[in-house]
Amino acid sequence: WSRDGRFLTIFDREGGGNRLIQLSTIPLSGDRKPFVVVPTVP
């Protein structure tokens, strides 16, 4: 969680398939639409 309380960083894993993980962030205000910070890696 960012120190200012504005962002929540998450492991963002696919619901099915090979279930790859990426690091995403959810803004805790506004539209709360997650965005990718570290894309899926093998």
Full PDB file with SEQRES, HELIX, SHEET, SSBOND, CRYST1, ORIGX, SCALE, CONECT and MASTER records, all heavy atoms in Angstrom:
SEQRES   1 A   42  TRP SER ARG ASP GLY ARG PHE LEU THR ILE PHE ASP ARG          
SEQRES   2 A   42  GLU GLY GLY GLY ASN ARG LEU ILE GLN LEU SER THR ILE          
SEQRES   3 A   42  PRO LEU SER GLY ASP ARG LYS PRO PHE VAL VAL VAL PRO          
SEQRES   4 A   42  THR VAL PRO                                                  
SHEET    1 AA1 3 PHE A   7  ARG A  13  0                                        
SHEET    2 AA1 3 ILE A  21  PRO A  27 -1                                        
SHEET    3 AA1 3 PHE A  35  VAL A  38 -1                                        
CRYST1    1.000    1.000    1.000  90.00  90.00  90.00 P 1           1          
ORIGX1      1.000000  0.000000  0.000000        0.00000                         
ORIGX2      0.000000  1.000000  0.000000        0.00000                         
ORIGX3      0.000000  0.000000  1.000000        0.00000                         
SCALE1      1.000000  0.000000  0.000000        0.00000                         
SCALE2      0.000000  1.000000  0.000000        0.00000                         
SCALE3      0.000000  0.000000  1.000000        0.00000                         
ATOM      1  N   TRP A   1       0.872  -1.165   0.000  1.00  0.00           N  
ATOM      2  CA  TRP A   1       0.000   0.000   0.000  1.00  0.00           C  
ATOM      3  C   TRP A   1       0.908   1.214   0.000  1.00  0.00           C  
ATOM      4  O   TRP A   1       1.841   1.284   0.794  1.00  0.00           O  
ATOM      5  CB  TRP A   1      -0.809  -0.025   1.287  1.00  0.00           C  
ATOM      6  CG  TRP A   1      -2.035   0.808   1.314  1.00  0.00           C  
ATOM      7  CD1 TRP A   1      -2.106   2.149   1.158  1.00  0.00           C  
ATOM      8  CD2 TRP A   1      -3.357   0.350   1.537  1.00  0.00           C  
ATOM      9  NE1 TRP A   1      -3.398   2.569   1.279  1.00  0.00           N  
ATOM     10  CE2 TRP A   1      -4.191   1.475   1.516  1.00  0.00           C  
ATOM     11  CE3 TRP A   1      -3.920  -0.884   1.764  1.00  0.00           C  
ATOM     12  CZ2 TRP A   1      -5.560   1.402   1.711  1.00  0.00           C  
ATOM     13  CZ3 TRP A   1      -5.273  -0.957   1.958  1.00  0.00           C  
ATOM     14  CH2 TRP A   1      -6.088   0.168   1.926  1.00  0.00           C  
ATOM     15  N   SER A   2       0.658   2.176  -0.870  1.00  0.00           N  
ATOM     16  CA  SER A   2       1.507   3.373  -0.893  1.00  0.00           C  
ATOM     17  C   SER A   2       1.349   4.139   0.416  1.00  0.00           C  
ATOM     18  O   SER A   2       0.297   4.102   1.048  1.00  0.00           O  
ATOM     19  CB  SER A   2       1.162   4.266  -2.089  1.00  0.00           C  
ATOM     20  OG  SER A   2      -0.153   4.773  -1.982  1.00  0.00           O  
ATOM     21  N   ARG A   3       2.411   4.807   0.847  1.00  0.00           N  
ATOM     22  CA  ARG A   3       2.399   5.525   2.129  1.00  0.00           C  
ATOM     23  C   ARG A   3       1.300   6.588   2.190  1.00  0.00           C  
ATOM     24  O   ARG A   3       0.770   6.872   3.245  1.00  0.00           O  
ATOM     25  CB  ARG A   3       3.748   6.201   2.382  1.00  0.00           C  
ATOM     26  CG  ARG A   3       4.902   5.261   2.404  1.00  0.00           C  
ATOM     27  CD  ARG A   3       5.217   4.797   3.808  1.00  0.00           C  
ATOM     28  NE  ARG A   3       6.419   3.990   3.809  1.00  0.00           N  
ATOM     29  CZ  ARG A   3       6.434   2.677   3.702  1.00  0.00           C  
ATOM     30  NH1 ARG A   3       5.318   2.026   3.557  1.00  0.00           N  
ATOM     31  NH2 ARG A   3       7.555   2.003   3.723  1.00  0.00           N  
ATOM     32  N   ASP A   4       0.970   7.172   1.044  1.00  0.00           N  
ATOM     33  CA  ASP A   4      -0.066   8.207   1.021  1.00  0.00           C  
ATOM     34  C   ASP A   4      -1.477   7.629   0.906  1.00  0.00           C  
ATOM     35  O   ASP A   4      -2.457   8.365   0.878  1.00  0.00           O  
ATOM     36  CB  ASP A   4       0.183   9.213  -0.108  1.00  0.00           C  
ATOM     37  CG  ASP A   4       0.178   8.579  -1.487  1.00  0.00           C  
ATOM     38  OD1 ASP A   4      -0.197   7.390  -1.632  1.00  0.00           O  
ATOM     39  OD2 ASP A   4       0.564   9.278  -2.445  1.00  0.00           O  
ATOM     40  N   GLY A   5      -1.597   6.288   0.834  1.00  0.00           N  
ATOM     41  CA  GLY A   5      -2.894   5.633   0.781  1.00  0.00           C  
ATOM     42  C   GLY A   5      -3.614   5.731  -0.557  1.00  0.00           C  
ATOM     43  O   GLY A   5      -4.777   5.384  -0.654  1.00  0.00           O  
ATOM     44  N   ARG A   6      -2.902   6.168  -1.597  1.00  0.00           N  
ATOM     45  CA  ARG A   6      -3.553   6.354  -2.893  1.00  0.00           C  
ATOM     46  C   ARG A   6      -3.546   5.106  -3.770  1.00  0.00           C  
ATOM     47  O   ARG A   6      -4.353   4.988  -4.678  1.00  0.00           O  
ATOM     48  CB  ARG A   6      -2.862   7.501  -3.642  1.00  0.00           C  
ATOM     49  CG  ARG A   6      -3.092   8.842  -2.987  1.00  0.00           C  
ATOM     50  CD  ARG A   6      -2.347   9.967  -3.670  1.00  0.00           C  
ATOM     51  NE  ARG A   6      -2.463   9.878  -5.117  1.00  0.00           N  
ATOM     52  CZ  ARG A   6      -1.509  10.288  -5.951  1.00  0.00           C  
ATOM     53  NH1 ARG A   6      -0.393  10.799  -5.499  1.00  0.00           N  
ATOM     54  NH2 ARG A   6      -1.693  10.184  -7.244  1.00  0.00           N  
ATOM     55  N   PHE A   7      -2.596   4.170  -3.550  1.00  0.00           N  
ATOM     56  CA  PHE A   7      -2.451   3.016  -4.439  1.00  0.00           C  
ATOM     57  C   PHE A   7      -2.309   1.723  -3.653  1.00  0.00           C  
ATOM     58  O   PHE A   7      -1.677   1.681  -2.606  1.00  0.00           O  
ATOM     59  CB  PHE A   7      -1.200   3.171  -5.321  1.00  0.00           C  
ATOM     60  CG  PHE A   7      -1.232   4.370  -6.205  1.00  0.00           C  
ATOM     61  CD1 PHE A   7      -0.503   5.506  -5.884  1.00  0.00           C  
ATOM     62  CD2 PHE A   7      -1.986   4.374  -7.368  1.00  0.00           C  
ATOM     63  CE1 PHE A   7      -0.525   6.629  -6.706  1.00  0.00           C  
ATOM     64  CE2 PHE A   7      -2.015   5.480  -8.193  1.00  0.00           C  
ATOM     65  CZ  PHE A   7      -1.283   6.617  -7.856  1.00  0.00           C  
ATOM     66  N   LEU A   8      -2.878   0.657  -4.200  1.00  0.00           N  
ATOM     67  CA  LEU A   8      -2.720  -0.692  -3.683  1.00  0.00           C  
ATOM     68  C   LEU A   8      -2.017  -1.502  -4.761  1.00  0.00           C  
ATOM     69  O   LEU A   8      -2.510  -1.610  -5.886  1.00  0.00           O  
ATOM     70  CB  LEU A   8      -4.096  -1.299  -3.375  1.00  0.00           C  
ATOM     71  CG  LEU A   8      -4.118  -2.712  -2.829  1.00  0.00           C  
ATOM     72  CD1 LEU A   8      -3.463  -2.762  -1.446  1.00  0.00           C  
ATOM     73  CD2 LEU A   8      -5.558  -3.213  -2.739  1.00  0.00           C  
ATOM     74  N   THR A   9      -0.846  -2.041  -4.448  1.00  0.00           N  
ATOM     75  CA  THR A   9      -0.101  -2.868  -5.400  1.00  0.00           C  
ATOM     76  C   THR A   9      -0.515  -4.317  -5.193  1.00  0.00           C  
ATOM     77  O   THR A   9      -0.646  -4.777  -4.059  1.00  0.00           O  
ATOM     78  CB  THR A   9       1.416  -2.701  -5.198  1.00  0.00           C  
ATOM     79  OG1 THR A   9       1.728  -1.314  -5.348  1.00  0.00           O  
ATOM     80  CG2 THR A   9       2.201  -3.503  -6.199  1.00  0.00           C  
ATOM     81  N   ILE A  10      -0.734  -5.031  -6.299  1.00  0.00           N  
ATOM     82  CA  ILE A  10      -1.267  -6.392  -6.225  1.00  0.00           C  
ATOM     83  C   ILE A  10      -0.520  -7.338  -7.161  1.00  0.00           C  
ATOM     84  O   ILE A  10       0.014  -6.921  -8.175  1.00  0.00           O  
ATOM     85  CB  ILE A  10      -2.773  -6.422  -6.597  1.00  0.00           C  
ATOM     86  CG1 ILE A  10      -2.987  -5.882  -8.016  1.00  0.00           C  
ATOM     87  CG2 ILE A  10      -3.603  -5.669  -5.589  1.00  0.00           C  
ATOM     88  CD1 ILE A  10      -4.390  -6.055  -8.554  1.00  0.00           C  
ATOM     89  N   PHE A  11      -0.492  -8.638  -6.755  1.00  0.00           N  
ATOM     90  CA  PHE A  11      -0.173  -9.688  -7.721  1.00  0.00           C  
ATOM     91  C   PHE A  11      -1.460  -9.893  -8.489  1.00  0.00           C  
ATOM     92  O   PHE A  11      -2.517 -10.130  -7.892  1.00  0.00           O  
ATOM     93  CB  PHE A  11       0.236 -10.992  -7.040  1.00  0.00           C  
ATOM     94  CG  PHE A  11       1.610 -10.978  -6.462  1.00  0.00           C  
ATOM     95  CD1 PHE A  11       1.826 -11.404  -5.164  1.00  0.00           C  
ATOM     96  CD2 PHE A  11       2.689 -10.563  -7.209  1.00  0.00           C  
ATOM     97  CE1 PHE A  11       3.097 -11.401  -4.621  1.00  0.00           C  
ATOM     98  CE2 PHE A  11       3.959 -10.557  -6.678  1.00  0.00           C  
ATOM     99  CZ  PHE A  11       4.165 -10.976  -5.378  1.00  0.00           C  
ATOM    100  N   ASP A  12      -1.391  -9.820  -9.773  1.00  0.00           N  
ATOM    101  CA  ASP A  12      -2.566  -9.880 -10.638  1.00  0.00           C  
ATOM    102  C   ASP A  12      -2.414 -11.129 -11.504  1.00  0.00           C  
ATOM    103  O   ASP A  12      -1.640 -11.144 -12.450  1.00  0.00           O  
ATOM    104  CB  ASP A  12      -2.596  -8.599 -11.482  1.00  0.00           C  
ATOM    105  CG  ASP A  12      -3.898  -8.401 -12.218  1.00  0.00           C  
ATOM    106  OD1 ASP A  12      -4.786  -9.266 -12.134  1.00  0.00           O  
ATOM    107  OD2 ASP A  12      -4.006  -7.360 -12.892  1.00  0.00           O  
ATOM    108  N   ARG A  13      -3.149 -12.185 -11.152  1.00  0.00           N  
ATOM    109  CA  ARG A  13      -2.998 -13.483 -11.817  1.00  0.00           C  
ATOM    110  C   ARG A  13      -4.220 -13.795 -12.660  1.00  0.00           C  
ATOM    111  O   ARG A  13      -5.352 -13.554 -12.250  1.00  0.00           O  
ATOM    112  CB  ARG A  13      -2.801 -14.562 -10.768  1.00  0.00           C  
ATOM    113  CG  ARG A  13      -2.762 -15.964 -11.348  1.00  0.00           C  
ATOM    114  CD  ARG A  13      -2.464 -16.970 -10.299  1.00  0.00           C  
ATOM    115  NE  ARG A  13      -1.027 -17.121 -10.266  1.00  0.00           N  
ATOM    116  CZ  ARG A  13      -0.368 -17.777  -9.329  1.00  0.00           C  
ATOM    117  NH1 ARG A  13      -1.004 -18.336  -8.339  1.00  0.00           N  
ATOM    118  NH2 ARG A  13       0.927 -17.879  -9.388  1.00  0.00           N  
ATOM    119  N   GLU A  14      -3.967 -14.362 -13.836  1.00  0.00           N  
ATOM    120  CA  GLU A  14      -5.054 -14.791 -14.706  1.00  0.00           C  
ATOM    121  C   GLU A  14      -5.953 -15.778 -13.967  1.00  0.00           C  
ATOM    122  O   GLU A  14      -5.480 -16.588 -13.175  1.00  0.00           O  
ATOM    123  CB  GLU A  14      -4.492 -15.491 -15.949  1.00  0.00           C  
ATOM    124  CG  GLU A  14      -3.661 -14.604 -16.837  1.00  0.00           C  
ATOM    125  CD  GLU A  14      -2.999 -15.392 -17.969  1.00  0.00           C  
ATOM    126  OE1 GLU A  14      -2.880 -16.626 -17.881  1.00  0.00           O  
ATOM    127  OE2 GLU A  14      -2.610 -14.750 -18.944  1.00  0.00           O  
ATOM    128  N   GLY A  15      -7.258 -15.699 -14.237  1.00  0.00           N  
ATOM    129  CA  GLY A  15      -8.216 -16.587 -13.592  1.00  0.00           C  
ATOM    130  C   GLY A  15      -8.146 -18.013 -14.096  1.00  0.00           C  
ATOM    131  O   GLY A  15      -8.488 -18.943 -13.397  1.00  0.00           O  
ATOM    132  N   GLY A  16      -7.699 -18.217 -15.326  1.00  0.00           N  
ATOM    133  CA  GLY A  16      -7.611 -19.553 -15.898  1.00  0.00           C  
ATOM    134  C   GLY A  16      -6.417 -19.650 -16.812  1.00  0.00           C  
ATOM    135  O   GLY A  16      -5.557 -18.777 -16.839  1.00  0.00           O  
ATOM    136  N   GLY A  17      -6.349 -20.705 -17.568  1.00  0.00           N  
ATOM    137  CA  GLY A  17      -5.228 -20.894 -18.489  1.00  0.00           C  
ATOM    138  C   GLY A  17      -3.945 -21.177 -17.740  1.00  0.00           C  
ATOM    139  O   GLY A  17      -3.924 -21.927 -16.780  1.00  0.00           O  
ATOM    140  N   ASN A  18      -2.844 -20.544 -18.163  1.00  0.00           N  
ATOM    141  CA  ASN A  18      -1.565 -20.820 -17.505  1.00  0.00           C  
ATOM    142  C   ASN A  18      -1.343 -19.959 -16.267  1.00  0.00           C  
ATOM    143  O   ASN A  18      -0.318 -20.057 -15.633  1.00  0.00           O  
ATOM    144  CB  ASN A  18      -0.402 -20.671 -18.488  1.00  0.00           C  
ATOM    145  CG  ASN A  18      -0.419 -19.345 -19.198  1.00  0.00           C  
ATOM    146  OD1 ASN A  18      -1.090 -18.413 -18.774  1.00  0.00           O  
ATOM    147  ND2 ASN A  18       0.317 -19.248 -20.282  1.00  0.00           N  
ATOM    148  N   ARG A  19      -2.299 -19.082 -15.911  1.00  0.00           N  
ATOM    149  CA  ARG A  19      -2.314 -18.311 -14.665  1.00  0.00           C  
ATOM    150  C   ARG A  19      -1.045 -17.489 -14.446  1.00  0.00           C  
ATOM    151  O   ARG A  19      -0.493 -17.461 -13.364  1.00  0.00           O  
ATOM    152  CB  ARG A  19      -2.610 -19.226 -13.486  1.00  0.00           C  
ATOM    153  CG  ARG A  19      -3.947 -19.920 -13.661  1.00  0.00           C  
ATOM    154  CD  ARG A  19      -4.446 -20.720 -12.495  1.00  0.00           C  
ATOM    155  NE  ARG A  19      -4.234 -20.244 -11.169  1.00  0.00           N  
ATOM    156  CZ  ARG A  19      -5.011 -19.355 -10.533  1.00  0.00           C  
ATOM    157  NH1 ARG A  19      -6.030 -18.814 -11.158  1.00  0.00           N  
ATOM    158  NH2 ARG A  19      -4.769 -19.015  -9.302  1.00  0.00           N  
ATOM    159  N   LEU A  20      -0.603 -16.809 -15.475  1.00  0.00           N  
ATOM    160  CA  LEU A  20       0.580 -15.962 -15.374  1.00  0.00           C  
ATOM    161  C   LEU A  20       0.318 -14.778 -14.447  1.00  0.00           C  
ATOM    162  O   LEU A  20      -0.808 -14.311 -14.313  1.00  0.00           O  
ATOM    163  CB  LEU A  20       0.990 -15.460 -16.758  1.00  0.00           C  
ATOM    164  CG  LEU A  20       1.400 -16.551 -17.750  1.00  0.00           C  
ATOM    165  CD1 LEU A  20       1.628 -15.955 -19.131  1.00  0.00           C  
ATOM    166  CD2 LEU A  20       2.648 -17.269 -17.262  1.00  0.00           C  
ATOM    167  N   ILE A  21       1.380 -14.280 -13.811  1.00  0.00           N  
ATOM    168  CA  ILE A  21       1.268 -13.188 -12.844  1.00  0.00           C  
ATOM    169  C   ILE A  21       1.920 -11.929 -13.395  1.00  0.00           C  
ATOM    170  O   ILE A  21       2.947 -11.981 -14.063  1.00  0.00           O  
ATOM    171  CB  ILE A  21       1.965 -13.558 -11.518  1.00  0.00           C  
ATOM    172  CG1 ILE A  21       1.304 -14.756 -10.872  1.00  0.00           C  
ATOM    173  CG2 ILE A  21       1.959 -12.385 -10.547  1.00  0.00           C  
ATOM    174  CD1 ILE A  21       1.993 -15.229  -9.612  1.00  0.00           C  
ATOM    175  N   GLN A  22       1.322 -10.796 -13.073  1.00  0.00           N  
ATOM    176  CA  GLN A  22       1.939  -9.497 -13.323  1.00  0.00           C  
ATOM    177  C   GLN A  22       1.743  -8.664 -12.057  1.00  0.00           C  
ATOM    178  O   GLN A  22       0.921  -8.999 -11.213  1.00  0.00           O  
ATOM    179  CB  GLN A  22       1.313  -8.813 -14.530  1.00  0.00           C  
ATOM    180  CG  GLN A  22      -0.172  -8.574 -14.405  1.00  0.00           C  
ATOM    181  CD  GLN A  22      -0.817  -8.161 -15.718  1.00  0.00           C  
ATOM    182  OE1 GLN A  22      -0.241  -8.277 -16.781  1.00  0.00           O  
ATOM    183  NE2 GLN A  22      -2.039  -7.677 -15.628  1.00  0.00           N  
ATOM    184  N   LEU A  23       2.523  -7.603 -11.908  1.00  0.00           N  
ATOM    185  CA  LEU A  23       2.326  -6.670 -10.797  1.00  0.00           C  
ATOM    186  C   LEU A  23       1.513  -5.501 -11.312  1.00  0.00           C  
ATOM    187  O   LEU A  23       1.903  -4.847 -12.280  1.00  0.00           O  
ATOM    188  CB  LEU A  23       3.667  -6.170 -10.262  1.00  0.00           C  
ATOM    189  CG  LEU A  23       4.344  -7.048  -9.223  1.00  0.00           C  
ATOM    190  CD1 LEU A  23       5.772  -6.603  -8.982  1.00  0.00           C  
ATOM    191  CD2 LEU A  23       3.568  -7.043  -7.925  1.00  0.00           C  
ATOM    192  N   SER A  24       0.374  -5.278 -10.690  1.00  0.00           N  
ATOM    193  CA  SER A  24      -0.503  -4.188 -11.084  1.00  0.00           C  
ATOM    194  C   SER A  24      -0.754  -3.300  -9.878  1.00  0.00           C  
ATOM    195  O   SER A  24      -0.433  -3.652  -8.746  1.00  0.00           O  
ATOM    196  CB  SER A  24      -1.839  -4.731 -11.605  1.00  0.00           C  
ATOM    197  OG  SER A  24      -1.653  -5.490 -12.772  1.00  0.00           O  
ATOM    198  N   THR A  25      -1.353  -2.160 -10.141  1.00  0.00           N  
ATOM    199  CA  THR A  25      -1.702  -1.219  -9.080  1.00  0.00           C  
ATOM    200  C   THR A  25      -3.132  -0.755  -9.279  1.00  0.00           C  
ATOM    201  O   THR A  25      -3.557  -0.510 -10.399  1.00  0.00           O  
ATOM    202  CB  THR A  25      -0.739  -0.016  -9.089  1.00  0.00           C  
ATOM    203  OG1 THR A  25       0.573  -0.495  -8.798  1.00  0.00           O  
ATOM    204  CG2 THR A  25      -1.126   1.006  -8.052  1.00  0.00           C  
ATOM    205  N   ILE A  26      -3.838  -0.653  -8.169  1.00  0.00           N  
ATOM    206  CA  ILE A  26      -5.212  -0.162  -8.193  1.00  0.00           C  
ATOM    207  C   ILE A  26      -5.227   1.214  -7.527  1.00  0.00           C  
ATOM    208  O   ILE A  26      -4.874   1.332  -6.348  1.00  0.00           O  
ATOM    209  CB  ILE A  26      -6.163  -1.114  -7.436  1.00  0.00           C  
ATOM    210  CG1 ILE A  26      -6.150  -2.505  -8.061  1.00  0.00           C  
ATOM    211  CG2 ILE A  26      -7.574  -0.540  -7.403  1.00  0.00           C  
ATOM    212  CD1 ILE A  26      -6.912  -3.550  -7.268  1.00  0.00           C  
ATOM    213  N   PRO A  27      -5.620   2.259  -8.268  1.00  0.00           N  
ATOM    214  CA  PRO A  27      -5.818   3.558  -7.612  1.00  0.00           C  
ATOM    215  C   PRO A  27      -7.033   3.442  -6.684  1.00  0.00           C  
ATOM    216  O   PRO A  27      -8.041   2.858  -7.066  1.00  0.00           O  
ATOM    217  CB  PRO A  27      -6.109   4.524  -8.758  1.00  0.00           C  
ATOM    218  CG  PRO A  27      -5.824   3.773 -10.014  1.00  0.00           C  
ATOM    219  CD  PRO A  27      -5.873   2.324  -9.694  1.00  0.00           C  
ATOM    220  N   LEU A  28      -6.933   3.963  -5.489  1.00  0.00           N  
ATOM    221  CA  LEU A  28      -8.022   3.808  -4.530  1.00  0.00           C  
ATOM    222  C   LEU A  28      -9.005   4.974  -4.555  1.00  0.00           C  
ATOM    223  O   LEU A  28      -9.837   5.119  -3.667  1.00  0.00           O  
ATOM    224  CB  LEU A  28      -7.459   3.582  -3.134  1.00  0.00           C  
ATOM    225  CG  LEU A  28      -6.668   2.277  -3.030  1.00  0.00           C  
ATOM    226  CD1 LEU A  28      -6.035   2.133  -1.669  1.00  0.00           C  
ATOM    227  CD2 LEU A  28      -7.540   1.079  -3.353  1.00  0.00           C  
ATOM    228  N   SER A  29      -8.897   5.783  -5.598  1.00  0.00           N  
ATOM    229  CA  SER A  29      -9.888   6.831  -5.826  1.00  0.00           C  
ATOM    230  C   SER A  29     -10.144   6.894  -7.331  1.00  0.00           C  
ATOM    231  O   SER A  29      -9.441   6.262  -8.114  1.00  0.00           O  
ATOM    232  CB  SER A  29      -9.388   8.181  -5.306  1.00  0.00           C  
ATOM    233  OG  SER A  29      -8.218   8.557  -5.989  1.00  0.00           O  
ATOM    234  N   GLY A  30     -11.141   7.632  -7.727  1.00  0.00           N  
ATOM    235  CA  GLY A  30     -11.465   7.722  -9.152  1.00  0.00           C  
ATOM    236  C   GLY A  30     -12.096   6.446  -9.656  1.00  0.00           C  
ATOM    237  O   GLY A  30     -12.891   5.810  -8.962  1.00  0.00           O  
ATOM    238  N   ASP A  31     -11.687   6.001 -10.858  1.00  0.00           N  
ATOM    239  CA  ASP A  31     -12.313   4.827 -11.480  1.00  0.00           C  
ATOM    240  C   ASP A  31     -11.840   3.493 -10.916  1.00  0.00           C  
ATOM    241  O   ASP A  31     -12.396   2.454 -11.206  1.00  0.00           O  
ATOM    242  CB  ASP A  31     -12.112   4.859 -12.991  1.00  0.00           C  
ATOM    243  CG  ASP A  31     -10.654   4.678 -13.406  1.00  0.00           C  
ATOM    244  OD1 ASP A  31      -9.779   4.458 -12.535  1.00  0.00           O  
ATOM    245  OD2 ASP A  31     -10.389   4.763 -14.609  1.00  0.00           O  
ATOM    246  N   ARG A  32     -10.789   3.491 -10.120  1.00  0.00           N  
ATOM    247  CA  ARG A  32     -10.227   2.274  -9.514  1.00  0.00           C  
ATOM    248  C   ARG A  32      -9.881   1.210 -10.547  1.00  0.00           C  
ATOM    249  O   ARG A  32      -9.937   0.024 -10.266  1.00  0.00           O  
ATOM    250  CB  ARG A  32     -11.172   1.712  -8.470  1.00  0.00           C  
ATOM    251  CG  ARG A  32     -11.324   2.596  -7.272  1.00  0.00           C  
ATOM    252  CD  ARG A  32     -12.107   1.924  -6.200  1.00  0.00           C  
ATOM    253  NE  ARG A  32     -12.107   2.751  -5.001  1.00  0.00           N  
ATOM    254  CZ  ARG A  32     -12.633   2.389  -3.867  1.00  0.00           C  
ATOM    255  NH1 ARG A  32     -13.210   1.227  -3.767  1.00  0.00           N  
ATOM    256  NH2 ARG A  32     -12.589   3.185  -2.844  1.00  0.00           N  
ATOM    257  N   LYS A  33      -9.530   1.624 -11.713  1.00  0.00           N  
ATOM    258  CA  LYS A  33      -9.161   0.671 -12.763  1.00  0.00           C  
ATOM    259  C   LYS A  33      -7.691   0.284 -12.603  1.00  0.00           C  
ATOM    260  O   LYS A  33      -6.810   1.142 -12.651  1.00  0.00           O  
ATOM    261  CB  LYS A  33      -9.398   1.309 -14.129  1.00  0.00           C  
ATOM    262  CG  LYS A  33      -9.107   0.377 -15.269  1.00  0.00           C  
ATOM    263  CD  LYS A  33      -9.469   1.038 -16.580  1.00  0.00           C  
ATOM    264  CE  LYS A  33      -8.907   0.312 -17.725  1.00  0.00           C  
ATOM    265  NZ  LYS A  33      -9.403  -0.659 -18.399  1.00  0.00           N  
ATOM    266  N   PRO A  34      -7.406  -1.029 -12.397  1.00  0.00           N  
ATOM    267  CA  PRO A  34      -6.017  -1.467 -12.233  1.00  0.00           C  
ATOM    268  C   PRO A  34      -5.185  -1.186 -13.478  1.00  0.00           C  
ATOM    269  O   PRO A  34      -5.688  -1.252 -14.597  1.00  0.00           O  
ATOM    270  CB  PRO A  34      -6.139  -2.980 -12.012  1.00  0.00           C  
ATOM    271  CG  PRO A  34      -7.553  -3.205 -11.616  1.00  0.00           C  
ATOM    272  CD  PRO A  34      -8.351  -2.132 -12.285  1.00  0.00           C  
ATOM    273  N   PHE A  35      -3.918  -0.876 -13.266  1.00  0.00           N  
ATOM    274  CA  PHE A  35      -2.988  -0.716 -14.378  1.00  0.00           C  
ATOM    275  C   PHE A  35      -1.728  -1.524 -14.087  1.00  0.00           C  
ATOM    276  O   PHE A  35      -1.338  -1.712 -12.943  1.00  0.00           O  
ATOM    277  CB  PHE A  35      -2.674   0.765 -14.652  1.00  0.00           C  
ATOM    278  CG  PHE A  35      -2.047   1.497 -13.507  1.00  0.00           C  
ATOM    279  CD1 PHE A  35      -0.664   1.530 -13.343  1.00  0.00           C  
ATOM    280  CD2 PHE A  35      -2.840   2.171 -12.584  1.00  0.00           C  
ATOM    281  CE1 PHE A  35      -0.087   2.217 -12.296  1.00  0.00           C  
ATOM    282  CE2 PHE A  35      -2.266   2.866 -11.536  1.00  0.00           C  
ATOM    283  CZ  PHE A  35      -0.891   2.887 -11.379  1.00  0.00           C  
ATOM    284  N   VAL A  36      -1.113  -2.030 -15.155  1.00  0.00           N  
ATOM    285  CA  VAL A  36       0.056  -2.895 -15.046  1.00  0.00           C  
ATOM    286  C   VAL A  36       1.305  -2.049 -14.833  1.00  0.00           C  
ATOM    287  O   VAL A  36       1.534  -1.064 -15.538  1.00  0.00           O  
ATOM    288  CB  VAL A  36       0.217  -3.760 -16.319  1.00  0.00           C  
ATOM    289  CG1 VAL A  36       1.481  -4.590 -16.257  1.00  0.00           C  
ATOM    290  CG2 VAL A  36      -1.009  -4.642 -16.507  1.00  0.00           C  
ATOM    291  N   VAL A  37       2.128  -2.450 -13.849  1.00  0.00           N  
ATOM    292  CA  VAL A  37       3.415  -1.802 -13.609  1.00  0.00           C  
ATOM    293  C   VAL A  37       4.546  -2.719 -14.082  1.00  0.00           C  
ATOM    294  O   VAL A  37       5.470  -2.276 -14.738  1.00  0.00           O  
ATOM    295  CB  VAL A  37       3.600  -1.437 -12.123  1.00  0.00           C  
ATOM    296  CG1 VAL A  37       4.937  -0.738 -11.898  1.00  0.00           C  
ATOM    297  CG2 VAL A  37       2.447  -0.573 -11.632  1.00  0.00           C  
ATOM    298  N   VAL A  38       4.469  -4.011 -13.747  1.00  0.00           N  
ATOM    299  CA  VAL A  38       5.443  -5.002 -14.212  1.00  0.00           C  
ATOM    300  C   VAL A  38       4.651  -6.062 -14.967  1.00  0.00           C  
ATOM    301  O   VAL A  38       3.870  -6.807 -14.372  1.00  0.00           O  
ATOM    302  CB  VAL A  38       6.215  -5.649 -13.044  1.00  0.00           C  
ATOM    303  CG1 VAL A  38       7.178  -6.715 -13.557  1.00  0.00           C  
ATOM    304  CG2 VAL A  38       6.963  -4.592 -12.237  1.00  0.00           C  
ATOM    305  N   PRO A  39       4.826  -6.109 -16.301  1.00  0.00           N  
ATOM    306  CA  PRO A  39       4.033  -7.050 -17.095  1.00  0.00           C  
ATOM    307  C   PRO A  39       4.389  -8.506 -16.791  1.00  0.00           C  
ATOM    308  O   PRO A  39       5.398  -8.801 -16.171  1.00  0.00           O  
ATOM    309  CB  PRO A  39       4.386  -6.706 -18.540  1.00  0.00           C  
ATOM    310  CG  PRO A  39       5.492  -5.733 -18.503  1.00  0.00           C  
ATOM    311  CD  PRO A  39       5.728  -5.317 -17.089  1.00  0.00           C  
ATOM    312  N   THR A  40       3.523  -9.383 -17.266  1.00  0.00           N  
ATOM    313  CA  THR A  40       3.717 -10.820 -17.104  1.00  0.00           C  
ATOM    314  C   THR A  40       5.085 -11.236 -17.636  1.00  0.00           C  
ATOM    315  O   THR A  40       5.497 -10.806 -18.706  1.00  0.00           O  
ATOM    316  CB  THR A  40       2.623 -11.580 -17.873  1.00  0.00           C  
ATOM    317  OG1 THR A  40       1.361 -11.172 -17.357  1.00  0.00           O  
ATOM    318  CG2 THR A  40       2.779 -13.070 -17.734  1.00  0.00           C  
ATOM    319  N   VAL A  41       5.776 -12.035 -16.838  1.00  0.00           N  
ATOM    320  CA  VAL A  41       7.072 -12.569 -17.240  1.00  0.00           C  
ATOM    321  C   VAL A  41       7.005 -14.084 -17.166  1.00  0.00           C  
ATOM    322  O   VAL A  41       6.236 -14.630 -16.384  1.00  0.00           O  
ATOM    323  CB  VAL A  41       8.216 -12.055 -16.328  1.00  0.00           C  
ATOM    324  CG1 VAL A  41       8.380 -10.558 -16.447  1.00  0.00           C  
ATOM    325  CG2 VAL A  41       7.999 -12.440 -14.879  1.00  0.00           C  
ATOM    326  N   PRO A  42       7.807 -14.777 -17.964  1.00  0.00           N  
ATOM    327  CA  PRO A  42       7.848 -16.229 -17.809  1.00  0.00           C  
ATOM    328  C   PRO A  42       8.562 -16.560 -16.503  1.00  0.00           C  
ATOM    329  O   PRO A  42       9.593 -15.972 -16.195  1.00  0.00           O  
ATOM    330  CB  PRO A  42       8.654 -16.691 -19.024  1.00  0.00           C  
ATOM    331  CG  PRO A  42       9.438 -15.502 -19.444  1.00  0.00           C  
ATOM    332  CD  PRO A  42       8.659 -14.298 -19.025  1.00  0.00           C  
TER     333      PRO A  42                                                      
MASTER        0    0    0    0    3    0    0    6  332    1    0    4          
END                                                                             
